[in-house]
Amino acid sequence: QQACPDVILLDVMLRGLSGYDICRIVRADPMLRDIPIILVTVWDDPSVATIGREAGADRTLQKTADAQRIVTAIAEVLGLPRDPAAG
């Protein structure tokens, strides 16, 4: 039995397949389809998030996001409290 990640952080721009393509592949796999996916991108374009949602991503973040925003996004897709210090 293979271990599965709790969350996937996936770059939109990759060599070969795009992050969108990989997102679709993950969503089509019964063993992986329920893992939350956060796409990361350098682009500040709302269409990136729209295409990401259509591909199955739960969230899209810019690579320039600060660490707290990344932690918050991960907590949200995992259904955890927004403030990890709050328990």
N, C-alpha and C. Protein backbone atom coordinates (compact mmCIF):
# COMPACT_ATOMS: atom_id res chain seq x y z
N GLN A 1 0.84 -1.18 0.00
CA GLN A 1 0.00 0.00 0.00
C GLN A 1 0.89 1.25 0.00
N GLN A 2 0.57 2.19 -0.89
CA GLN A 2 1.35 3.41 -0.99
C GLN A 2 0.78 4.50 -0.10
N ALA A 3 1.66 5.31 0.44
CA ALA A 3 1.22 6.48 1.21
C ALA A 3 0.83 7.59 0.24
N CYS A 4 -0.21 8.30 0.56
CA CYS A 4 -0.67 9.42 -0.26
C CYS A 4 -0.43 10.73 0.49
N PRO A 5 -0.15 11.80 -0.24
CA PRO A 5 0.05 13.09 0.44
C PRO A 5 -1.26 13.64 0.98
N ASP A 6 -1.17 14.51 1.97
CA ASP A 6 -2.35 15.18 2.52
C ASP A 6 -2.82 16.30 1.60
N VAL A 7 -1.88 16.92 0.90
CA VAL A 7 -2.19 18.02 -0.01
C VAL A 7 -1.12 18.03 -1.10
N ILE A 8 -1.48 18.51 -2.29
CA ILE A 8 -0.54 18.63 -3.40
C ILE A 8 -0.39 20.10 -3.75
N LEU A 9 0.85 20.60 -3.73
CA LEU A 9 1.17 21.94 -4.24
C LEU A 9 1.76 21.72 -5.62
N LEU A 10 1.12 22.28 -6.64
CA LEU A 10 1.44 21.95 -8.01
C LEU A 10 1.67 23.21 -8.83
N ASP A 11 2.84 23.32 -9.42
CA ASP A 11 3.16 24.46 -10.28
C ASP A 11 2.36 24.36 -11.58
N VAL A 12 1.84 25.47 -12.05
CA VAL A 12 1.09 25.49 -13.31
C VAL A 12 2.02 25.22 -14.49
N MET A 13 3.21 25.83 -14.47
CA MET A 13 4.14 25.70 -15.60
C MET A 13 5.17 24.62 -15.32
N LEU A 14 5.05 23.53 -16.03
CA LEU A 14 5.99 22.42 -15.91
C LEU A 14 6.44 22.02 -17.32
N ARG A 15 7.54 21.32 -17.41
CA ARG A 15 7.97 20.79 -18.71
C ARG A 15 7.07 19.61 -19.07
N GLY A 16 6.75 19.49 -20.32
CA GLY A 16 5.90 18.37 -20.74
C GLY A 16 4.45 18.68 -20.44
N LEU A 17 3.90 18.02 -19.45
CA LEU A 17 2.52 18.26 -19.04
C LEU A 17 2.43 19.53 -18.21
N SER A 18 1.33 20.23 -18.33
CA SER A 18 1.12 21.42 -17.49
C SER A 18 0.59 20.99 -16.12
N GLY A 19 0.61 21.91 -15.19
CA GLY A 19 0.00 21.64 -13.89
C GLY A 19 -1.47 21.32 -14.02
N TYR A 20 -2.14 21.96 -14.99
CA TYR A 20 -3.56 21.66 -15.24
C TYR A 20 -3.73 20.20 -15.67
N ASP A 21 -2.84 19.74 -16.56
CA ASP A 21 -2.92 18.35 -17.03
C ASP A 21 -2.73 17.38 -15.87
N ILE A 22 -1.75 17.65 -15.03
CA ILE A 22 -1.49 16.77 -13.90
C ILE A 22 -2.66 16.80 -12.93
N CYS A 23 -3.25 17.95 -12.74
CA CYS A 23 -4.42 18.08 -11.89
C CYS A 23 -5.54 17.17 -12.40
N ARG A 24 -5.79 17.19 -13.70
CA ARG A 24 -6.83 16.33 -14.29
C ARG A 24 -6.50 14.85 -14.10
N ILE A 25 -5.23 14.50 -14.25
CA ILE A 25 -4.80 13.11 -14.06
C ILE A 25 -5.04 12.67 -12.62
N VAL A 26 -4.68 13.52 -11.67
CA VAL A 26 -4.89 13.21 -10.25
C VAL A 26 -6.38 13.03 -9.97
N ARG A 27 -7.20 13.92 -10.49
CA ARG A 27 -8.65 13.84 -10.25
C ARG A 27 -9.28 12.59 -10.88
N ALA A 28 -8.66 12.06 -11.93
CA ALA A 28 -9.19 10.86 -12.58
C ALA A 28 -8.76 9.58 -11.88
N ASP A 29 -7.80 9.66 -10.98
CA ASP A 29 -7.28 8.48 -10.28
C ASP A 29 -8.07 8.25 -9.00
N PRO A 30 -8.76 7.11 -8.88
CA PRO A 30 -9.58 6.85 -7.69
C PRO A 30 -8.80 6.91 -6.37
N MET A 31 -7.51 6.58 -6.40
CA MET A 31 -6.70 6.59 -5.18
C MET A 31 -6.28 8.01 -4.78
N LEU A 32 -6.30 8.93 -5.73
CA LEU A 32 -5.77 10.27 -5.48
C LEU A 32 -6.81 11.38 -5.56
N ARG A 33 -7.96 11.10 -6.13
CA ARG A 33 -8.92 12.15 -6.49
C ARG A 33 -9.39 13.04 -5.34
N ASP A 34 -9.32 12.56 -4.10
CA ASP A 34 -9.80 13.36 -2.97
C ASP A 34 -8.71 14.20 -2.30
N ILE A 35 -7.49 14.12 -2.80
CA ILE A 35 -6.40 14.91 -2.23
C ILE A 35 -6.55 16.36 -2.69
N PRO A 36 -6.58 17.32 -1.77
CA PRO A 36 -6.68 18.72 -2.17
C PRO A 36 -5.47 19.14 -3.00
N ILE A 37 -5.73 19.95 -4.02
CA ILE A 37 -4.66 20.44 -4.90
C ILE A 37 -4.66 21.97 -4.86
N ILE A 38 -3.48 22.52 -4.60
CA ILE A 38 -3.27 23.96 -4.67
C ILE A 38 -2.30 24.22 -5.81
N LEU A 39 -2.77 24.94 -6.83
CA LEU A 39 -1.90 25.33 -7.93
C LEU A 39 -1.12 26.58 -7.54
N VAL A 40 0.14 26.64 -7.93
CA VAL A 40 0.95 27.83 -7.71
C VAL A 40 1.41 28.36 -9.06
N THR A 41 1.44 29.69 -9.18
CA THR A 41 1.74 30.30 -10.47
C THR A 41 2.43 31.64 -10.29
N VAL A 42 3.17 32.04 -11.30
CA VAL A 42 3.77 33.38 -11.31
C VAL A 42 2.79 34.40 -11.86
N TRP A 43 1.75 33.96 -12.55
CA TRP A 43 0.82 34.86 -13.22
C TRP A 43 -0.20 35.45 -12.26
N ASP A 44 -0.44 36.74 -12.43
CA ASP A 44 -1.49 37.43 -11.68
C ASP A 44 -2.65 37.64 -12.66
N ASP A 45 -3.35 36.55 -12.95
CA ASP A 45 -4.41 36.56 -13.96
C ASP A 45 -5.55 35.69 -13.45
N PRO A 46 -6.75 36.25 -13.28
CA PRO A 46 -7.89 35.48 -12.77
C PRO A 46 -8.22 34.24 -13.61
N SER A 47 -7.87 34.26 -14.90
CA SER A 47 -8.18 33.10 -15.74
C SER A 47 -7.38 31.88 -15.32
N VAL A 48 -6.21 32.08 -14.70
CA VAL A 48 -5.42 30.95 -14.21
C VAL A 48 -6.20 30.19 -13.15
N ALA A 49 -6.82 30.91 -12.22
CA ALA A 49 -7.63 30.26 -11.18
C ALA A 49 -8.86 29.60 -11.78
N THR A 50 -9.47 30.23 -12.78
CA THR A 50 -10.65 29.65 -13.42
C THR A 50 -10.30 28.35 -14.12
N ILE A 51 -9.24 28.35 -14.89
CA ILE A 51 -8.80 27.13 -15.58
C ILE A 51 -8.41 26.08 -14.54
N GLY A 52 -7.77 26.51 -13.46
CA GLY A 52 -7.39 25.58 -12.39
C GLY A 52 -8.60 24.90 -11.77
N ARG A 53 -9.64 25.68 -11.47
CA ARG A 53 -10.87 25.09 -10.90
C ARG A 53 -11.49 24.10 -11.88
N GLU A 54 -11.50 24.47 -13.16
CA GLU A 54 -12.05 23.57 -14.17
C GLU A 54 -11.25 22.28 -14.27
N ALA A 55 -9.95 22.35 -13.99
CA ALA A 55 -9.09 21.17 -14.02
C ALA A 55 -9.20 20.35 -12.74
N GLY A 56 -9.82 20.94 -11.70
CA GLY A 56 -10.01 20.21 -10.45
C GLY A 56 -9.22 20.73 -9.26
N ALA A 57 -8.53 21.85 -9.43
CA ALA A 57 -7.77 22.41 -8.31
C ALA A 57 -8.71 23.01 -7.27
N ASP A 58 -8.32 22.92 -6.02
CA ASP A 58 -9.10 23.49 -4.93
C ASP A 58 -8.80 24.97 -4.72
N ARG A 59 -7.60 25.37 -5.08
CA ARG A 59 -7.17 26.74 -4.82
C ARG A 59 -6.02 27.06 -5.76
N THR A 60 -5.82 28.35 -6.03
CA THR A 60 -4.67 28.81 -6.81
C THR A 60 -4.01 29.94 -6.04
N LEU A 61 -2.69 29.87 -5.91
CA LEU A 61 -1.91 30.90 -5.22
C LEU A 61 -0.81 31.41 -6.13
N GLN A 62 -0.48 32.68 -5.97
CA GLN A 62 0.68 33.22 -6.66
C GLN A 62 1.94 32.80 -5.91
N LYS A 63 3.01 32.58 -6.66
CA LYS A 63 4.28 32.19 -6.03
C LYS A 63 4.80 33.27 -5.09
N THR A 64 4.35 34.49 -5.28
CA THR A 64 4.82 35.58 -4.42
C THR A 64 4.05 35.65 -3.10
N ALA A 65 3.11 34.75 -2.87
CA ALA A 65 2.33 34.76 -1.63
C ALA A 65 3.27 34.58 -0.44
N ASP A 66 2.97 35.30 0.65
CA ASP A 66 3.80 35.16 1.84
C ASP A 66 3.51 33.83 2.53
N ALA A 67 4.41 33.44 3.41
CA ALA A 67 4.31 32.13 4.06
C ALA A 67 2.99 31.95 4.80
N GLN A 68 2.50 32.99 5.47
CA GLN A 68 1.25 32.86 6.23
C GLN A 68 0.08 32.59 5.30
N ARG A 69 0.07 33.22 4.14
CA ARG A 69 -1.02 32.98 3.19
C ARG A 69 -0.98 31.54 2.67
N ILE A 70 0.21 31.02 2.45
CA ILE A 70 0.35 29.63 2.00
C ILE A 70 -0.13 28.68 3.08
N VAL A 71 0.30 28.92 4.32
CA VAL A 71 -0.13 28.08 5.45
C VAL A 71 -1.65 28.13 5.60
N THR A 72 -2.23 29.31 5.48
CA THR A 72 -3.68 29.47 5.60
C THR A 72 -4.40 28.71 4.50
N ALA A 73 -3.91 28.79 3.27
CA ALA A 73 -4.54 28.08 2.15
C ALA A 73 -4.48 26.57 2.37
N ILE A 74 -3.35 26.08 2.84
CA ILE A 74 -3.23 24.64 3.10
C ILE A 74 -4.19 24.23 4.21
N ALA A 75 -4.24 25.01 5.28
CA ALA A 75 -5.16 24.70 6.38
C ALA A 75 -6.61 24.69 5.90
N GLU A 76 -6.98 25.64 5.05
CA GLU A 76 -8.36 25.71 4.55
C GLU A 76 -8.72 24.49 3.71
N VAL A 77 -7.84 24.09 2.79
CA VAL A 77 -8.18 22.94 1.94
C VAL A 77 -8.19 21.64 2.74
N LEU A 78 -7.47 21.62 3.86
CA LEU A 78 -7.47 20.43 4.72
C LEU A 78 -8.57 20.48 5.78
N GLY A 79 -9.28 21.61 5.84
CA GLY A 79 -10.35 21.74 6.83
C GLY A 79 -9.84 21.96 8.23
N LEU A 80 -8.65 22.54 8.36
CA LEU A 80 -8.05 22.81 9.67
C LEU A 80 -8.37 24.25 10.08
N PRO A 81 -8.20 24.57 11.37
CA PRO A 81 -8.41 25.96 11.80
C PRO A 81 -7.48 26.89 11.03
N ARG A 82 -7.94 28.09 10.74
CA ARG A 82 -7.13 29.05 9.99
C ARG A 82 -5.86 29.43 10.74
N ASP A 83 -5.95 29.56 12.04
CA ASP A 83 -4.80 29.94 12.85
C ASP A 83 -4.29 28.69 13.57
N PRO A 84 -3.18 28.09 13.07
CA PRO A 84 -2.68 26.87 13.70
C PRO A 84 -2.42 27.04 15.20
N ALA A 85 -2.10 28.25 15.66
CA ALA A 85 -1.87 28.48 17.08
C ALA A 85 -3.16 28.37 17.88
N ALA A 86 -4.30 28.51 17.19
CA ALA A 86 -5.60 28.43 17.88
C ALA A 86 -5.97 27.00 18.22
N GLY A 87 -5.24 26.05 17.63
CA GLY A 87 -5.48 24.65 17.94
C GLY A 87 -6.57 24.11 17.13
